[in-house]
Amino acid sequence: MKEITIVKGKKAADGDVGNTDELLASNSHTSNPSAAMKSFRLAVVSTRSVPASPEKNLEHMIQWLAQAKDKGAALVCFPELSVTGYALQQIWQASEPVPGGPSTRKIEELAKQFGLIIAAGIAEQDRGIVYNTYVFVGPEGYMGKSRKMHIPPLEVGSWRGGGIPPVIDIGLAKVGVNICFDNWLPESSRLVALQGAEVIFAPYVWSASELGNPPDYAQRNRRQKEYANRSLPARAIDNGVFLIFVNDCGLAANGEYREATILVYSPEGKLIAESPDEASGETMVVTDLDRQLLVNRRSEDVFHPRFRRPELYRSLAEGDIGPQSPY
């Protein structure tokens, strides 16, 4: 079943990855309310990827790229591991270099063919180690990648956590990535925000059955959205960024399909686009990201990151800080 939702945004008033293990800059976005971002149209696609089958998944993505192009999108983003497919035991065999591997080269061909920027998840192999990676490729070629940092219990041993995620300038905006489990730790979004991210992509493979699976798709989708809406809007407003949530709707471990959930938040933490509650299959949401919303949030008198006091936060990097003496 193919479902497409188009959400029109307001018209705007008036655009080399570093080492993933280094923090490249700090506080760069707090002193420049005008920002570099351009207004652009975004297509977000929840797909059903086949585990450990990158060739099949890339071929399947073509139809969505064609539809996104037809709707006027400049960038198309897919879920976590959308290229490789979510697999645990087979992941080493299915992983590949990024860039330079066959899947990245194929994405480069597709980006050039459709004139789009493509953002997608892939299992990356680097010196024999697997990483859960998200890659950006444009019509001119490879733009950059970001690795998942925090590994939940189910995935421990399947891939290694990456270092500090970089911010990637894709021309339309400066973007950062927090992959799935990363998003439940607020430090993850702050790491890319302080490097100047204007848009944070949050690609997922997540089943609402973990929340106690209700019987039908509408209930399941609403339950997943409700859970996400408890914390993701805060990531957006705290950092003054657009945040894009997209889930893979393939088969979960219990044999049922995951939820086809898409959520797009503004820099004010407001939900500006979402997939239909009744979505029961692959879904695409098309929406406009208005640069003026970013400018407005970062121009507020009380834009919270400007009031940060990093000299007080050293203990946060030392683990559990314990009781603090009042004297």
C-alpha atoms as a PDB file:
ATOM      1  CA  MET A   1       0.000   0.000   0.000  1.00  0.00           C
ATOM      2  CA  LYS A   2       1.423   3.370  -1.030  1.00  0.00           C
ATOM      3  CA  GLU A   3       0.395   6.431   0.948  1.00  0.00           C
ATOM      4  CA  ILE A   4       1.551  10.005   0.357  1.00  0.00           C
ATOM      5  CA  THR A   5       0.827  13.008   2.521  1.00  0.00           C
ATOM      6  CA  ILE A   6       1.712  16.498   1.336  1.00  0.00           C
ATOM      7  CA  VAL A   7       1.972  19.256   3.908  1.00  0.00           C
ATOM      8  CA  LYS A   8       2.658  22.744   2.609  1.00  0.00           C
ATOM      9  CA  GLY A   9       4.730  25.012   4.787  1.00  0.00           C
ATOM     10  CA  LYS A  10       4.657  28.792   4.947  1.00  0.00           C
ATOM     11  CA  LYS A  11       6.596  30.705   2.337  1.00  0.00           C
ATOM     12  CA  ALA A  12       9.903  32.071   3.632  1.00  0.00           C
ATOM     13  CA  ALA A  13      10.577  35.838   3.823  1.00  0.00           C
ATOM     14  CA  ASP A  14      13.414  36.005   1.729  1.00  0.00           C
ATOM     15  CA  GLY A  15      22.466  28.021   2.035  1.00  0.00           C
ATOM     16  CA  ASP A  16      33.543  18.174   3.902  1.00  0.00           C
ATOM     17  CA  VAL A  17      32.565  16.255   6.856  1.00  0.00           C
ATOM     18  CA  GLY A  18      35.051  16.358   9.685  1.00  0.00           C
ATOM     19  CA  ASN A  19      36.312  13.422  11.678  1.00  0.00           C
ATOM     20  CA  THR A  20      33.383  11.649  13.333  1.00  0.00           C
ATOM     21  CA  ASP A  21      35.464  11.307  16.493  1.00  0.00           C
ATOM     22  CA  GLU A  22      36.085  15.036  16.907  1.00  0.00           C
ATOM     23  CA  LEU A  23      33.958  17.944  18.004  1.00  0.00           C
ATOM     24  CA  LEU A  24      34.591  20.371  15.155  1.00  0.00           C
ATOM     25  CA  ALA A  25      33.180  23.548  16.631  1.00  0.00           C
ATOM     26  CA  SER A  26      31.241  24.832  19.594  1.00  0.00           C
ATOM     27  CA  ASN A  27      28.437  27.328  20.070  1.00  0.00           C
ATOM     28  CA  SER A  28      28.631  28.329  16.410  1.00  0.00           C
ATOM     29  CA  HIS A  29      24.866  28.597  15.977  1.00  0.00           C
ATOM     30  CA  THR A  30      24.141  30.704  19.041  1.00  0.00           C
ATOM     31  CA  SER A  31      25.670  33.914  17.744  1.00  0.00           C
ATOM     32  CA  ASN A  32      24.213  33.931  14.217  1.00  0.00           C
ATOM     33  CA  PRO A  33      20.422  34.178  14.232  1.00  0.00           C
ATOM     34  CA  SER A  34      20.275  34.728  10.442  1.00  0.00           C
ATOM     35  CA  ALA A  35      21.746  31.247   9.846  1.00  0.00           C
ATOM     36  CA  ALA A  36      22.813  29.720   6.543  1.00  0.00           C
ATOM     37  CA  MET A  37      19.776  27.536   5.905  1.00  0.00           C
ATOM     38  CA  LYS A  38      17.623  27.957   2.820  1.00  0.00           C
ATOM     39  CA  SER A  39      13.929  27.154   2.637  1.00  0.00           C
ATOM     40  CA  PHE A  40      13.432  23.852   0.852  1.00  0.00           C
ATOM     41  CA  ARG A  41      10.975  21.045   0.226  1.00  0.00           C
ATOM     42  CA  LEU A  42      11.614  17.781   2.000  1.00  0.00           C
ATOM     43  CA  ALA A  43      10.251  14.297   1.296  1.00  0.00           C
ATOM     44  CA  VAL A  44      10.324  11.838   4.211  1.00  0.00           C
ATOM     45  CA  VAL A  45       9.741   8.172   3.354  1.00  0.00           C
ATOM     46  CA  SER A  46       8.935   5.310   5.721  1.00  0.00           C
ATOM     47  CA  THR A  47       9.949   2.168   3.829  1.00  0.00           C
ATOM     48  CA  ARG A  48       9.964  -1.595   4.425  1.00  0.00           C
ATOM     49  CA  SER A  49      13.565  -2.630   3.936  1.00  0.00           C
ATOM     50  CA  VAL A  50      14.559  -6.261   3.391  1.00  0.00           C
ATOM     51  CA  PRO A  51      17.199  -7.395   5.934  1.00  0.00           C
ATOM     52  CA  ALA A  52      20.749  -7.683   4.558  1.00  0.00           C
ATOM     53  CA  SER A  53      19.586  -6.956   0.982  1.00  0.00           C
ATOM     54  CA  PRO A  54      21.049  -3.613  -0.163  1.00  0.00           C
ATOM     55  CA  GLU A  55      20.561  -4.232  -3.899  1.00  0.00           C
ATOM     56  CA  LYS A  56      16.840  -4.997  -3.453  1.00  0.00           C
ATOM     57  CA  ASN A  57      16.349  -2.040  -1.135  1.00  0.00           C
ATOM     58  CA  LEU A  58      18.067   0.420  -3.456  1.00  0.00           C
ATOM     59  CA  GLU A  59      16.007  -0.781  -6.390  1.00  0.00           C
ATOM     60  CA  HIS A  60      12.849  -0.346  -4.317  1.00  0.00           C
ATOM     61  CA  MET A  61      13.830   3.200  -3.312  1.00  0.00           C
ATOM     62  CA  ILE A  62      13.765   4.331  -6.950  1.00  0.00           C
ATOM     63  CA  GLN A  63       9.964   4.571  -7.070  1.00  0.00           C
ATOM     64  CA  TRP A  64       9.986   6.842  -4.022  1.00  0.00           C
ATOM     65  CA  LEU A  65      12.712   9.045  -5.479  1.00  0.00           C
ATOM     66  CA  ALA A  66      10.627   9.459  -8.630  1.00  0.00           C
ATOM     67  CA  GLN A  67       7.548  10.440  -6.605  1.00  0.00           C
ATOM     68  CA  ALA A  68       9.544  12.841  -4.433  1.00  0.00           C
ATOM     69  CA  LYS A  69      11.006  14.482  -7.528  1.00  0.00           C
ATOM     70  CA  ASP A  70       7.521  14.804  -8.999  1.00  0.00           C
ATOM     71  CA  LYS A  71       6.350  16.563  -5.813  1.00  0.00           C
ATOM     72  CA  GLY A  72       9.155  19.119  -6.040  1.00  0.00           C
ATOM     73  CA  ALA A  73      11.338  17.846  -3.183  1.00  0.00           C
ATOM     74  CA  ALA A  74      14.989  18.854  -3.001  1.00  0.00           C
ATOM     75  CA  LEU A  75      15.940  16.257  -0.370  1.00  0.00           C
ATOM     76  CA  VAL A  76      14.578  12.762   0.299  1.00  0.00           C
ATOM     77  CA  CYS A  77      15.296  11.013   3.589  1.00  0.00           C
ATOM     78  CA  PHE A  78      14.795   7.354   4.474  1.00  0.00           C
ATOM     79  CA  PRO A  79      14.924   5.433   7.797  1.00  0.00           C
ATOM     80  CA  GLU A  80      17.780   3.879   9.748  1.00  0.00           C
ATOM     81  CA  LEU A  81      19.559   1.099   7.792  1.00  0.00           C
ATOM     82  CA  SER A  82      17.158   1.644   4.892  1.00  0.00           C
ATOM     83  CA  VAL A  83      19.801   0.615   2.353  1.00  0.00           C
ATOM     84  CA  THR A  84      21.216  -2.452   4.090  1.00  0.00           C
ATOM     85  CA  GLY A  85      18.057  -3.490   5.896  1.00  0.00           C
ATOM     86  CA  TYR A  86      17.871  -4.102   9.632  1.00  0.00           C
ATOM     87  CA  ALA A  87      19.748  -7.330  10.370  1.00  0.00           C
ATOM     88  CA  LEU A  88      21.797  -8.357  13.385  1.00  0.00           C
ATOM     89  CA  GLN A  89      23.387 -11.730  12.632  1.00  0.00           C
ATOM     90  CA  GLN A  90      23.999 -11.028   8.922  1.00  0.00           C
ATOM     91  CA  ILE A  91      25.164  -7.472   9.267  1.00  0.00           C
ATOM     92  CA  TRP A  92      28.922  -8.023   8.878  1.00  0.00           C
ATOM     93  CA  GLN A  93      28.498  -9.745   5.523  1.00  0.00           C
ATOM     94  CA  ALA A  94      26.103  -7.058   4.293  1.00  0.00           C
ATOM     95  CA  SER A  95      28.181  -4.075   5.461  1.00  0.00           C
ATOM     96  CA  GLU A  96      30.461  -2.136   3.113  1.00  0.00           C
ATOM     97  CA  PRO A  97      32.786   0.878   2.938  1.00  0.00           C
ATOM     98  CA  VAL A  98      31.271   4.363   3.038  1.00  0.00           C
ATOM     99  CA  PRO A  99      32.055   6.083   0.750  1.00  0.00           C
ATOM    100  CA  GLY A 100      33.432   3.917  -2.036  1.00  0.00           C
ATOM    101  CA  GLY A 101      31.255   0.850  -1.518  1.00  0.00           C
ATOM    102  CA  PRO A 102      28.771  -0.400  -4.122  1.00  0.00           C
ATOM    103  CA  SER A 103      25.709   1.018  -2.355  1.00  0.00           C
ATOM    104  CA  THR A 104      27.169   4.494  -1.954  1.00  0.00           C
ATOM    105  CA  ARG A 105      28.152   4.483  -5.621  1.00  0.00           C
ATOM    106  CA  LYS A 106      24.604   3.453  -6.562  1.00  0.00           C
ATOM    107  CA  ILE A 107      23.125   6.229  -4.414  1.00  0.00           C
ATOM    108  CA  GLU A 108      25.457   8.680  -6.173  1.00  0.00           C
ATOM    109  CA  GLU A 109      24.048   7.508  -9.522  1.00  0.00           C
ATOM    110  CA  LEU A 110      20.463   7.894  -8.291  1.00  0.00           C
ATOM    111  CA  ALA A 111      21.087  11.345  -6.802  1.00  0.00           C
ATOM    112  CA  LYS A 112      22.519  12.506 -10.126  1.00  0.00           C
ATOM    113  CA  GLN A 113      19.723  10.841 -12.122  1.00  0.00           C
ATOM    114  CA  PHE A 114      16.921  12.463 -10.112  1.00  0.00           C
ATOM    115  CA  GLY A 115      18.706  15.700  -9.189  1.00  0.00           C
ATOM    116  CA  LEU A 116      18.045  15.095  -5.488  1.00  0.00           C
ATOM    117  CA  ILE A 117      19.917  14.964  -2.212  1.00  0.00           C
ATOM    118  CA  ILE A 118      19.406  11.485  -0.730  1.00  0.00           C
ATOM    119  CA  ALA A 119      19.770  10.708   2.975  1.00  0.00           C
ATOM    120  CA  ALA A 120      19.681   7.028   3.937  1.00  0.00           C
ATOM    121  CA  GLY A 121      20.877   4.489   6.505  1.00  0.00           C
ATOM    122  CA  ILE A 122      23.565   1.933   5.712  1.00  0.00           C
ATOM    123  CA  ALA A 123      25.736  -0.624   7.528  1.00  0.00           C
ATOM    124  CA  GLU A 124      29.261   0.698   7.163  1.00  0.00           C
ATOM    125  CA  GLN A 125      32.362  -1.474   7.433  1.00  0.00           C
ATOM    126  CA  ASP A 126      35.573   0.311   8.377  1.00  0.00           C
ATOM    127  CA  ARG A 127      38.722  -1.761   9.024  1.00  0.00           C
ATOM    128  CA  GLY A 128      36.637  -4.818   9.853  1.00  0.00           C
ATOM    129  CA  ILE A 129      34.308  -3.002  12.279  1.00  0.00           C
ATOM    130  CA  VAL A 130      30.629  -2.377  11.507  1.00  0.00           C
ATOM    131  CA  TYR A 131      28.924   0.949  12.203  1.00  0.00           C
ATOM    132  CA  ASN A 132      25.271   1.920  11.893  1.00  0.00           C
ATOM    133  CA  THR A 133      25.680   4.911   9.571  1.00  0.00           C
ATOM    134  CA  TYR A 134      23.568   7.562   7.882  1.00  0.00           C
ATOM    135  CA  VAL A 135      24.824   8.991   4.614  1.00  0.00           C
ATOM    136  CA  PHE A 136      24.077  12.103   2.532  1.00  0.00           C
ATOM    137  CA  VAL A 137      24.640  12.085  -1.231  1.00  0.00           C
ATOM    138  CA  GLY A 138      23.785  14.837  -3.711  1.00  0.00           C
ATOM    139  CA  PRO A 139      23.776  15.232  -7.493  1.00  0.00           C
ATOM    140  CA  GLU A 140      27.459  16.165  -7.315  1.00  0.00           C
ATOM    141  CA  GLY A 141      28.340  13.117  -5.237  1.00  0.00           C
ATOM    142  CA  TYR A 142      29.000  12.018  -1.672  1.00  0.00           C
ATOM    143  CA  MET A 143      28.492  14.713   1.003  1.00  0.00           C
ATOM    144  CA  GLY A 144      29.098  13.042   4.339  1.00  0.00           C
ATOM    145  CA  LYS A 145      28.097  10.471   6.926  1.00  0.00           C
ATOM    146  CA  SER A 146      27.244  10.147  10.608  1.00  0.00           C
ATOM    147  CA  ARG A 147      27.446   7.081  12.865  1.00  0.00           C
ATOM    148  CA  LYS A 148      25.052   5.935  15.572  1.00  0.00           C
ATOM    149  CA  MET A 149      26.577   6.666  18.976  1.00  0.00           C
ATOM    150  CA  HIS A 150      24.483   4.858  21.586  1.00  0.00           C
ATOM    151  CA  ILE A 151      23.864   1.138  21.135  1.00  0.00           C
ATOM    152  CA  PRO A 152      20.840  -0.420  22.926  1.00  0.00           C
ATOM    153  CA  PRO A 153      21.073  -3.926  24.443  1.00  0.00           C
ATOM    154  CA  LEU A 154      19.526  -5.708  21.431  1.00  0.00           C
ATOM    155  CA  GLU A 155      22.216  -4.343  19.092  1.00  0.00           C
ATOM    156  CA  VAL A 156      25.282  -4.732  21.279  1.00  0.00           C
ATOM    157  CA  GLY A 157      27.859  -6.746  19.360  1.00  0.00           C
ATOM    158  CA  SER A 158      26.216  -6.198  15.959  1.00  0.00           C
ATOM    159  CA  TRP A 159      27.850  -2.818  15.427  1.00  0.00           C
ATOM    160  CA  ARG A 160      30.043  -0.425  17.321  1.00  0.00           C
ATOM    161  CA  GLY A 161      29.062   3.046  18.510  1.00  0.00           C
ATOM    162  CA  GLY A 162      30.616   5.919  16.593  1.00  0.00           C
ATOM    163  CA  GLY A 163      32.269   9.064  17.888  1.00  0.00           C
ATOM    164  CA  ILE A 164      30.896  12.595  18.068  1.00  0.00           C
ATOM    165  CA  PRO A 165      28.611  13.041  15.039  1.00  0.00           C
ATOM    166  CA  PRO A 166      29.688  15.734  12.598  1.00  0.00           C
ATOM    167  CA  VAL A 167      27.570  18.486  11.119  1.00  0.00           C
ATOM    168  CA  ILE A 168      27.351  18.230   7.340  1.00  0.00           C
ATOM    169  CA  ASP A 169      26.769  21.261   5.109  1.00  0.00           C
ATOM    170  CA  ILE A 170      24.559  19.958   2.302  1.00  0.00           C
ATOM    171  CA  GLY A 171      24.045  23.383   0.715  1.00  0.00           C
ATOM    172  CA  LEU A 172      20.391  23.618   1.721  1.00  0.00           C
ATOM    173  CA  ALA A 173      21.227  23.531   5.417  1.00  0.00           C
ATOM    174  CA  LYS A 174      23.719  22.354   7.970  1.00  0.00           C
ATOM    175  CA  VAL A 175      22.490  18.978   9.158  1.00  0.00           C
ATOM    176  CA  GLY A 176      23.206  16.582  11.999  1.00  0.00           C
ATOM    177  CA  VAL A 177      22.009  13.049  12.663  1.00  0.00           C
ATOM    178  CA  ASN A 178      20.878  11.230  15.808  1.00  0.00           C
ATOM    179  CA  ILE A 179      20.074   7.631  14.912  1.00  0.00           C
ATOM    180  CA  CYS A 180      17.224   5.891  16.757  1.00  0.00           C
ATOM    181  CA  PHE A 181      18.386   5.231  20.363  1.00  0.00           C
ATOM    182  CA  ASP A 182      20.582   8.363  20.233  1.00  0.00           C
ATOM    183  CA  ASN A 183      17.461  10.499  20.355  1.00  0.00           C
ATOM    184  CA  TRP A 184      16.467   9.355  23.837  1.00  0.00           C
ATOM    185  CA  LEU A 185      19.620  10.950  25.274  1.00  0.00           C
ATOM    186  CA  PRO A 186      19.446  14.767  25.084  1.00  0.00           C
ATOM    187  CA  GLU A 187      23.223  15.087  24.873  1.00  0.00           C
ATOM    188  CA  SER A 188      23.046  13.650  21.346  1.00  0.00           C
ATOM    189  CA  SER A 189      21.123  16.560  19.857  1.00  0.00           C
ATOM    190  CA  ARG A 190      23.224  19.073  21.773  1.00  0.00           C
ATOM    191  CA  LEU A 191      26.417  17.622  20.277  1.00  0.00           C
ATOM    192  CA  VAL A 192      25.312  18.489  16.749  1.00  0.00           C
ATOM    193  CA  ALA A 193      23.472  21.681  17.676  1.00  0.00           C
ATOM    194  CA  LEU A 194      26.619  23.193  19.179  1.00  0.00           C
ATOM    195  CA  GLN A 195      28.399  22.512  15.907  1.00  0.00           C
ATOM    196  CA  GLY A 196      25.824  24.573  14.025  1.00  0.00           C
ATOM    197  CA  ALA A 197      23.188  22.037  12.939  1.00  0.00           C
ATOM    198  CA  GLU A 198      19.984  23.621  11.652  1.00  0.00           C
ATOM    199  CA  VAL A 199      18.190  20.357  10.888  1.00  0.00           C
ATOM    200  CA  ILE A 200      18.520  17.118  12.869  1.00  0.00           C
ATOM    201  CA  PHE A 201      17.543  13.865  11.174  1.00  0.00           C
ATOM    202  CA  ALA A 202      16.228  11.152  13.493  1.00  0.00           C
ATOM    203  CA  PRO A 203      15.981   7.896  11.465  1.00  0.00           C
ATOM    204  CA  TYR A 204      14.589   4.869  13.329  1.00  0.00           C
ATOM    205  CA  VAL A 205      13.908   1.151  13.288  1.00  0.00           C
ATOM    206  CA  TRP A 206      11.493   0.931  16.201  1.00  0.00           C
ATOM    207  CA  SER A 207       8.411  -1.163  16.936  1.00  0.00           C
ATOM    208  CA  ALA A 208       5.607   0.120  19.130  1.00  0.00           C
ATOM    209  CA  SER A 209       5.198  -3.433  20.431  1.00  0.00           C
ATOM    210  CA  GLU A 210       7.812  -2.382  22.979  1.00  0.00           C
ATOM    211  CA  LEU A 211       5.135  -0.060  24.355  1.00  0.00           C
ATOM    212  CA  GLY A 212       2.493  -2.790  24.537  1.00  0.00           C
ATOM    213  CA  ASN A 213       1.173  -3.370  21.050  1.00  0.00           C
ATOM    214  CA  PRO A 214      -2.499  -2.454  20.479  1.00  0.00           C
ATOM    215  CA  PRO A 215      -4.492  -4.406  17.889  1.00  0.00           C
ATOM    216  CA  ASP A 216      -4.701  -2.080  14.879  1.00  0.00           C
ATOM    217  CA  TYR A 217      -2.410   0.234  12.936  1.00  0.00           C
ATOM    218  CA  ALA A 218      -4.165   3.465  13.902  1.00  0.00           C
ATOM    219  CA  GLN A 219      -3.828   2.708  17.607  1.00  0.00           C
ATOM    220  CA  ARG A 220      -0.246   1.528  17.191  1.00  0.00           C
ATOM    221  CA  ASN A 221       0.751   4.587  15.170  1.00  0.00           C
ATOM    222  CA  ARG A 222      -0.837   6.923  17.700  1.00  0.00           C
ATOM    223  CA  ARG A 223       0.931   5.149  20.547  1.00  0.00           C
ATOM    224  CA  GLN A 224       4.302   5.523  18.847  1.00  0.00           C
ATOM    225  CA  LYS A 225       3.604   9.178  18.046  1.00  0.00           C
ATOM    226  CA  GLU A 226       2.492   9.841  21.614  1.00  0.00           C
ATOM    227  CA  TYR A 227       5.728   8.417  22.979  1.00  0.00           C
ATOM    228  CA  ALA A 228       7.884  10.371  20.517  1.00  0.00           C
ATOM    229  CA  ASN A 229       5.965  13.558  21.280  1.00  0.00           C
ATOM    230  CA  ARG A 230       7.014  13.380  24.927  1.00  0.00           C
ATOM    231  CA  SER A 231      10.634  14.175  24.162  1.00  0.00           C
ATOM    232  CA  LEU A 232      11.434  14.972  20.522  1.00  0.00           C
ATOM    233  CA  PRO A 233       9.728  18.404  20.505  1.00  0.00           C
ATOM    234  CA  ALA A 234      12.035  19.360  23.377  1.00  0.00           C
ATOM    235  CA  ARG A 235      15.088  18.413  21.296  1.00  0.00           C
ATOM    236  CA  ALA A 236      13.837  20.770  18.587  1.00  0.00           C
ATOM    237  CA  ILE A 237      12.950  23.766  20.763  1.00  0.00           C
ATOM    238  CA  ASP A 238      15.927  23.435  23.126  1.00  0.00           C
ATOM    239  CA  ASN A 239      18.351  23.610  20.214  1.00  0.00           C
ATOM    240  CA  GLY A 240      16.352  25.737  17.776  1.00  0.00           C
ATOM    241  CA  VAL A 241      16.399  23.141  14.982  1.00  0.00           C
ATOM    242  CA  PHE A 242      14.036  21.323  12.664  1.00  0.00           C
ATOM    243  CA  LEU A 243      13.841  17.668  13.686  1.00  0.00           C
ATOM    244  CA  ILE A 244      12.803  14.886  11.288  1.00  0.00           C
ATOM    245  CA  PHE A 245      11.609  11.527  12.681  1.00  0.00           C
ATOM    246  CA  VAL A 246      11.172   8.633  10.240  1.00  0.00           C
ATOM    247  CA  ASN A 247      10.615   4.981  11.118  1.00  0.00           C
ATOM    248  CA  ASP A 248      11.199   1.810   9.074  1.00  0.00           C
ATOM    249  CA  CYS A 249       7.870  -0.029   8.714  1.00  0.00           C
ATOM    250  CA  GLY A 250       9.276  -3.469   7.867  1.00  0.00           C
ATOM    251  CA  LEU A 251       8.826  -6.717   9.777  1.00  0.00           C
ATOM    252  CA  ALA A 252       9.567  -6.589  13.495  1.00  0.00           C
ATOM    253  CA  ALA A 253      10.891  -9.474  15.588  1.00  0.00           C
ATOM    254  CA  ASN A 254       7.336 -10.480  16.549  1.00  0.00           C
ATOM    255  CA  GLY A 255       6.438 -11.063  12.882  1.00  0.00           C
ATOM    256  CA  GLU A 256       4.247  -7.960  12.594  1.00  0.00           C
ATOM    257  CA  TYR A 257       5.040  -4.872  10.548  1.00  0.00           C
ATOM    258  CA  ARG A 258       6.410  -1.844  12.373  1.00  0.00           C
ATOM    259  CA  GLU A 259       4.637   1.500  12.395  1.00  0.00           C
ATOM    260  CA  ALA A 260       4.929   3.803   9.357  1.00  0.00           C
ATOM    261  CA  THR A 261       5.478   6.901  11.485  1.00  0.00           C
ATOM    262  CA  ILE A 262       6.827  10.232  10.236  1.00  0.00           C
ATOM    263  CA  LEU A 263       6.983  13.385  12.379  1.00  0.00           C
ATOM    264  CA  VAL A 264       8.461  16.787  11.454  1.00  0.00           C
ATOM    265  CA  TYR A 265       9.016  19.390  14.174  1.00  0.00           C
ATOM    266  CA  SER A 266       9.809  23.097  13.827  1.00  0.00           C
ATOM    267  CA  PRO A 267      12.564  24.957  15.747  1.00  0.00           C
ATOM    268  CA  GLU A 268       9.780  25.971  18.151  1.00  0.00           C
ATOM    269  CA  GLY A 269       9.066  22.304  18.903  1.00  0.00           C
ATOM    270  CA  LYS A 270       5.771  22.385  17.023  1.00  0.00           C
ATOM    271  CA  LEU A 271       4.591  19.450  14.916  1.00  0.00           C
ATOM    272  CA  ILE A 272       4.362  20.799  11.364  1.00  0.00           C
ATOM    273  CA  ALA A 273       3.879  17.546   9.423  1.00  0.00           C
ATOM    274  CA  GLU A 274       3.100  13.899  10.155  1.00  0.00           C
ATOM    275  CA  SER A 275       2.074  10.634   8.558  1.00  0.00           C
ATOM    276  CA  PRO A 276      -1.601   9.611   8.775  1.00  0.00           C
ATOM    277  CA  ASP A 277      -2.595   7.738  11.918  1.00  0.00           C
ATOM    278  CA  GLU A 278      -4.147   5.032   9.752  1.00  0.00           C
ATOM    279  CA  ALA A 279      -1.000   4.443   7.656  1.00  0.00           C
ATOM    280  CA  SER A 280      -0.614   0.691   7.280  1.00  0.00           C
ATOM    281  CA  GLY A 281       2.175   0.532   4.717  1.00  0.00           C
ATOM    282  CA  GLU A 282       4.991   2.540   3.198  1.00  0.00           C
ATOM    283  CA  THR A 283       4.284   6.243   3.450  1.00  0.00           C
ATOM    284  CA  MET A 284       5.775   9.489   2.152  1.00  0.00           C
ATOM    285  CA  VAL A 285       5.247  12.908   3.690  1.00  0.00           C
ATOM    286  CA  VAL A 286       6.240  15.995   1.704  1.00  0.00           C
ATOM    287  CA  THR A 287       6.612  19.289   3.529  1.00  0.00           C
ATOM    288  CA  ASP A 288       8.393  22.628   3.280  1.00  0.00           C
ATOM    289  CA  LEU A 289      11.041  23.640   5.811  1.00  0.00           C
ATOM    290  CA  ASP A 290      10.767  27.410   6.131  1.00  0.00           C
ATOM    291  CA  ARG A 291      14.035  29.152   6.966  1.00  0.00           C
ATOM    292  CA  GLN A 292      12.105  31.990   8.598  1.00  0.00           C
ATOM    293  CA  LEU A 293      10.973  29.645  11.380  1.00  0.00           C
ATOM    294  CA  LEU A 294      14.616  29.018  12.208  1.00  0.00           C
ATOM    295  CA  VAL A 295      15.428  32.732  12.127  1.00  0.00           C
ATOM    296  CA  ASN A 296      12.452  33.537  14.356  1.00  0.00           C
ATOM    297  CA  ARG A 297      13.399  30.997  17.013  1.00  0.00           C
ATOM    298  CA  ARG A 298      17.064  31.977  17.113  1.00  0.00           C
ATOM    299  CA  SER A 299      16.225  35.690  17.201  1.00  0.00           C
ATOM    300  CA  GLU A 300      14.086  35.419  20.327  1.00  0.00           C
ATOM    301  CA  ASP A 301      15.268  37.308  23.400  1.00  0.00           C
ATOM    302  CA  VAL A 302      15.242  34.043  25.301  1.00  0.00           C
ATOM    303  CA  PHE A 303      16.898  31.639  22.886  1.00  0.00           C
ATOM    304  CA  HIS A 304      18.038  29.181  25.532  1.00  0.00           C
ATOM    305  CA  PRO A 305      21.432  28.058  24.158  1.00  0.00           C
ATOM    306  CA  ARG A 306      22.711  31.634  24.523  1.00  0.00           C
ATOM    307  CA  PHE A 307      22.317  31.267  28.285  1.00  0.00           C
ATOM    308  CA  ARG A 308      24.361  28.092  28.601  1.00  0.00           C
ATOM    309  CA  ARG A 309      27.234  28.015  31.122  1.00  0.00           C
ATOM    310  CA  PRO A 310      29.535  25.199  29.967  1.00  0.00           C
ATOM    311  CA  GLU A 311      31.978  25.871  32.822  1.00  0.00           C
ATOM    312  CA  LEU A 312      29.355  24.376  35.172  1.00  0.00           C
ATOM    313  CA  TYR A 313      28.815  21.206  33.195  1.00  0.00           C
ATOM    314  CA  ARG A 314      32.182  19.451  33.441  1.00  0.00           C
ATOM    315  CA  SER A 315      30.836  16.937  35.929  1.00  0.00           C
ATOM    316  CA  LEU A 316      28.276  15.756  33.343  1.00  0.00           C
ATOM    317  CA  ALA A 317      31.119  14.106  31.432  1.00  0.00           C
ATOM    318  CA  GLU A 318      32.282  12.190  34.511  1.00  0.00           C
ATOM    319  CA  GLY A 319      29.338   9.821  34.839  1.00  0.00           C
ATOM    320  CA  ASP A 320      27.085   9.805  37.882  1.00  0.00           C
ATOM    321  CA  ILE A 321      27.903  12.981  39.796  1.00  0.00           C
ATOM    322  CA  GLY A 322      26.443  11.941  43.155  1.00  0.00           C
ATOM    323  CA  PRO A 323      25.251  14.307  45.896  1.00  0.00           C
ATOM    324  CA  GLN A 324      26.632  17.836  45.789  1.00  0.00           C
ATOM    325  CA  SER A 325      27.556  19.628  48.978  1.00  0.00           C
ATOM    326  CA  PRO A 326      25.628  22.904  49.513  1.00  0.00           C
ATOM    327  CA  TYR A 327      28.681  24.418  51.280  1.00  0.00           C
END
